[in-house]
Amino acid sequence: MYTNSNKLLIEAIWTPNQDIIWIQRMVLVAVGIAFLIIAAKIKLILPFSPVPVTLGTFAVLTIGTTYGQRLGLMTIFGYLLIGMLGFDVFANSSAEANGLTYMLGGTGGYLIGYCFAVIALGFIAKLNWDKNIFKLGAALVFANILIYAPGLLWLGQLYGWDQPIIAWGLTPFIIGDLLKLALTASLIPLIWKLIGKARS
């Protein structure tokens, strides 16, 4: 059950100070955007799919769970805005392929899914599910569905449903995403335990 005493992981790591709260938020958003950019650029190109395997979903899952809904969405929106302005921040973006044109390509639906995933994970974090590996694991599976659903729908709309949409946009990523999910589900509760021990 949600209570006002429930804290997000980021609040436990860096206690909010009302005198500098906006500075704290700007720093965290900047760090989160940098994390997203770096994660997106760590990629494996698949010759049979228009969508590369990246650490982007790992970054999104981690940010959603640790930052919560409000700060997490601010971070995702900031990342998307920078990309929309033409900066090379996405997995396959470049000086030639960037901005809104790139965002409306094959990865467009997944970028929208990032927002849905952050909203869901921010909610479960306030329920303290992020302290339990099994509850968090279940929440992360649901968050992945929220990323893939609009991603696959957009691929189908973009390339046509006569194309192998599932083979392009889902099956090549299942094993990698399970590994990223397991890493997040293990790491977040572990950090909570370390914080508890440090303060006991």
Protein backbone atom coordinates (compact mmCIF):
# COMPACT_ATOMS: atom_id res chain seq x y z
CA MET A 1 0.00 0.00 0.00
CA TYR A 2 1.21 3.51 -0.81
CA THR A 3 2.13 5.80 2.08
CA ASN A 4 3.61 9.27 2.18
CA SER A 5 6.74 7.80 3.77
CA ASN A 6 7.50 5.75 0.66
CA LYS A 7 10.61 7.06 -1.01
CA LEU A 8 11.97 6.64 -4.46
CA LEU A 9 15.47 5.23 -4.68
CA ILE A 10 16.87 8.53 -5.93
CA GLU A 11 15.36 10.30 -2.90
CA ALA A 12 17.10 7.83 -0.60
CA ILE A 13 20.41 8.36 -2.38
CA TRP A 14 20.17 12.15 -2.61
CA THR A 15 17.69 13.59 -0.09
CA PRO A 16 15.63 16.39 -1.67
CA ASN A 17 16.49 19.83 -0.30
CA GLN A 18 13.64 22.30 -0.78
CA ASP A 19 16.11 25.20 -0.97
CA ILE A 20 17.80 23.76 -4.03
CA ILE A 21 15.16 21.30 -5.26
CA TRP A 22 15.11 22.65 -8.82
CA ILE A 23 18.89 22.50 -9.05
CA GLN A 24 18.78 18.90 -7.86
CA ARG A 25 16.13 18.03 -10.41
CA MET A 26 18.03 19.65 -13.26
CA VAL A 27 21.20 17.77 -12.31
CA LEU A 28 19.32 14.46 -12.14
CA VAL A 29 17.58 15.09 -15.47
CA ALA A 30 20.93 15.93 -17.09
CA VAL A 31 22.52 12.77 -15.66
CA GLY A 32 19.55 10.70 -16.81
CA ILE A 33 19.69 12.11 -20.34
CA ALA A 34 23.42 11.40 -20.53
CA PHE A 35 22.74 7.84 -19.36
CA LEU A 36 20.09 7.40 -22.07
CA ILE A 37 22.37 8.74 -24.79
CA ILE A 38 25.29 6.52 -23.81
CA ALA A 39 23.03 3.46 -23.48
CA ALA A 40 21.47 4.10 -26.91
CA LYS A 41 24.90 4.22 -28.53
CA ILE A 42 25.93 0.85 -27.10
CA LYS A 43 24.31 -1.23 -29.80
CA LEU A 44 24.36 -4.33 -31.95
CA ILE A 45 23.12 -3.86 -35.52
CA LEU A 46 20.97 -6.70 -36.83
CA PRO A 47 21.09 -7.07 -40.64
CA PHE A 48 17.55 -8.48 -40.72
CA SER A 49 15.85 -5.81 -38.59
CA PRO A 50 15.42 -2.01 -38.81
CA VAL A 51 15.70 -1.84 -35.01
CA PRO A 52 19.13 -2.36 -33.35
CA VAL A 53 19.76 -4.09 -30.02
CA THR A 54 20.83 -1.42 -27.52
CA LEU A 55 21.07 -0.77 -23.80
CA GLY A 56 18.39 1.90 -24.21
CA THR A 57 15.69 -0.17 -22.56
CA PHE A 58 17.99 -0.90 -19.61
CA ALA A 59 18.45 2.85 -19.12
CA VAL A 60 14.70 3.48 -19.38
CA LEU A 61 13.85 0.72 -16.90
CA THR A 62 16.45 1.97 -14.44
CA ILE A 63 15.38 5.61 -14.72
CA GLY A 64 11.69 4.76 -14.38
CA THR A 65 12.32 2.68 -11.27
CA THR A 66 14.72 5.06 -9.52
CA TYR A 67 13.41 8.47 -10.62
CA GLY A 68 9.66 7.90 -10.45
CA GLN A 69 6.98 9.23 -12.76
CA ARG A 70 7.53 12.99 -12.67
CA LEU A 71 11.32 13.12 -12.80
CA GLY A 72 11.46 10.11 -15.08
CA LEU A 73 9.13 11.70 -17.62
CA MET A 74 11.05 14.98 -17.43
CA THR A 75 14.18 13.01 -18.30
CA ILE A 76 12.58 11.10 -21.18
CA PHE A 77 10.98 14.27 -22.57
CA GLY A 78 14.32 16.08 -22.33
CA TYR A 79 16.02 13.24 -24.19
CA LEU A 80 13.37 13.21 -26.92
CA LEU A 81 13.48 17.01 -27.24
CA ILE A 82 17.24 16.97 -27.73
CA GLY A 83 16.80 14.30 -30.37
CA MET A 84 13.99 16.22 -32.04
CA LEU A 85 16.29 19.24 -32.32
CA GLY A 86 18.62 17.16 -34.46
CA PHE A 87 21.31 16.04 -32.06
CA ASP A 88 22.79 12.56 -32.48
CA VAL A 89 21.34 10.90 -29.36
CA PHE A 90 19.47 7.87 -30.70
CA ALA A 91 20.74 4.41 -31.55
CA ASN A 92 21.01 4.88 -35.30
CA SER A 93 20.87 8.66 -35.56
CA SER A 94 23.74 10.54 -37.19
CA ALA A 95 24.58 13.92 -38.67
CA GLU A 96 22.62 12.90 -41.77
CA ALA A 97 19.75 10.99 -40.13
CA ASN A 98 18.38 12.79 -37.11
CA GLY A 99 15.61 14.92 -35.68
CA LEU A 100 11.90 14.36 -36.15
CA THR A 101 12.45 12.47 -39.42
CA TYR A 102 14.52 9.86 -37.60
CA MET A 103 12.05 9.70 -34.71
CA LEU A 104 9.25 8.86 -37.13
CA GLY A 105 11.27 5.94 -38.49
CA GLY A 106 11.49 2.37 -37.23
CA THR A 107 12.25 3.20 -33.61
CA GLY A 108 9.51 5.82 -33.24
CA GLY A 109 6.99 3.58 -31.52
CA TYR A 110 9.56 2.35 -29.02
CA LEU A 111 10.42 5.94 -28.08
CA ILE A 112 6.75 6.53 -27.25
CA GLY A 113 6.77 3.29 -25.27
CA TYR A 114 9.57 4.67 -23.12
CA CYS A 115 7.12 7.20 -21.70
CA PHE A 116 4.53 4.54 -20.88
CA ALA A 117 7.17 2.36 -19.21
CA VAL A 118 8.43 5.20 -17.01
CA ILE A 119 4.91 6.04 -15.87
CA ALA A 120 4.23 2.42 -14.91
CA LEU A 121 7.56 1.89 -13.15
CA GLY A 122 7.30 5.17 -11.27
CA PHE A 123 3.95 4.00 -9.93
CA ILE A 124 5.19 0.61 -8.76
CA ALA A 125 8.26 2.21 -7.17
CA LYS A 126 5.94 4.23 -4.94
CA LEU A 127 4.34 0.94 -3.89
CA ASN A 128 7.76 -0.32 -2.74
CA TRP A 129 7.85 -3.05 -5.41
CA ASP A 130 11.35 -1.90 -6.30
CA LYS A 131 12.62 -3.40 -3.04
CA ASN A 132 11.59 -6.94 -3.99
CA ILE A 133 13.30 -8.73 -6.86
CA PHE A 134 10.23 -10.77 -7.83
CA LYS A 135 7.71 -7.93 -7.70
CA LEU A 136 10.11 -5.67 -9.54
CA GLY A 137 10.78 -8.39 -12.11
CA ALA A 138 7.06 -8.69 -12.83
CA ALA A 139 6.74 -4.91 -13.13
CA LEU A 140 9.68 -4.79 -15.53
CA VAL A 141 8.11 -7.44 -17.76
CA PHE A 142 4.96 -5.30 -17.91
CA ALA A 143 7.04 -2.20 -18.64
CA ASN A 144 8.74 -4.03 -21.51
CA ILE A 145 5.32 -4.85 -22.93
CA LEU A 146 4.47 -1.15 -22.76
CA ILE A 147 7.60 -0.41 -24.79
CA TYR A 148 7.09 -3.12 -27.38
CA ALA A 149 3.35 -2.66 -27.96
CA PRO A 150 3.59 0.83 -29.55
CA GLY A 151 6.90 -0.15 -31.14
CA LEU A 152 5.39 -3.08 -33.01
CA LEU A 153 2.23 -1.18 -33.88
CA TRP A 154 4.30 1.61 -35.38
CA LEU A 155 6.48 -0.82 -37.35
CA GLY A 156 3.35 -2.41 -38.79
CA GLN A 157 1.93 0.96 -39.72
CA LEU A 158 5.23 2.13 -41.20
CA TYR A 159 6.28 -0.93 -43.20
CA GLY A 160 2.97 -2.75 -43.64
CA TRP A 161 1.49 -5.72 -41.84
CA ASP A 162 2.52 -8.02 -44.66
CA GLN A 163 6.10 -7.65 -43.41
CA PRO A 164 7.61 -9.89 -40.65
CA ILE A 165 6.98 -7.28 -37.95
CA ILE A 166 7.36 -9.67 -34.99
CA ALA A 167 10.59 -11.08 -36.44
CA TRP A 168 11.91 -7.54 -36.96
CA GLY A 169 10.80 -5.87 -33.78
CA LEU A 170 10.41 -8.47 -31.04
CA THR A 171 11.95 -11.92 -31.30
CA PRO A 172 15.57 -10.79 -31.89
CA PHE A 173 15.50 -8.81 -28.65
CA ILE A 174 13.86 -11.23 -26.22
CA ILE A 175 17.02 -12.81 -24.80
CA GLY A 176 18.85 -9.49 -24.52
CA ASP A 177 15.87 -7.84 -22.85
CA LEU A 178 15.51 -10.69 -20.38
CA LEU A 179 19.14 -10.19 -19.40
CA LYS A 180 18.64 -6.42 -19.04
CA LEU A 181 15.47 -7.04 -17.05
CA ALA A 182 17.24 -9.48 -14.74
CA LEU A 183 20.08 -7.01 -14.21
CA THR A 184 17.70 -4.20 -13.27
CA ALA A 185 15.55 -6.46 -11.07
CA SER A 186 18.67 -7.59 -9.18
CA LEU A 187 20.49 -4.27 -9.01
CA ILE A 188 17.74 -1.99 -7.65
CA PRO A 189 16.79 -4.12 -4.59
CA LEU A 190 20.49 -4.65 -3.89
CA ILE A 191 21.08 -0.90 -3.78
CA TRP A 192 18.13 -0.56 -1.38
CA LYS A 193 19.67 -3.20 0.89
CA LEU A 194 23.06 -1.46 0.83
CA ILE A 195 21.42 1.85 1.74
CA GLY A 196 19.58 0.17 4.61
CA LYS A 197 22.77 -1.37 5.95
CA ALA A 198 24.66 1.91 5.64
CA ARG A 199 22.03 3.72 7.70
CA SER A 200 21.50 1.01 10.32
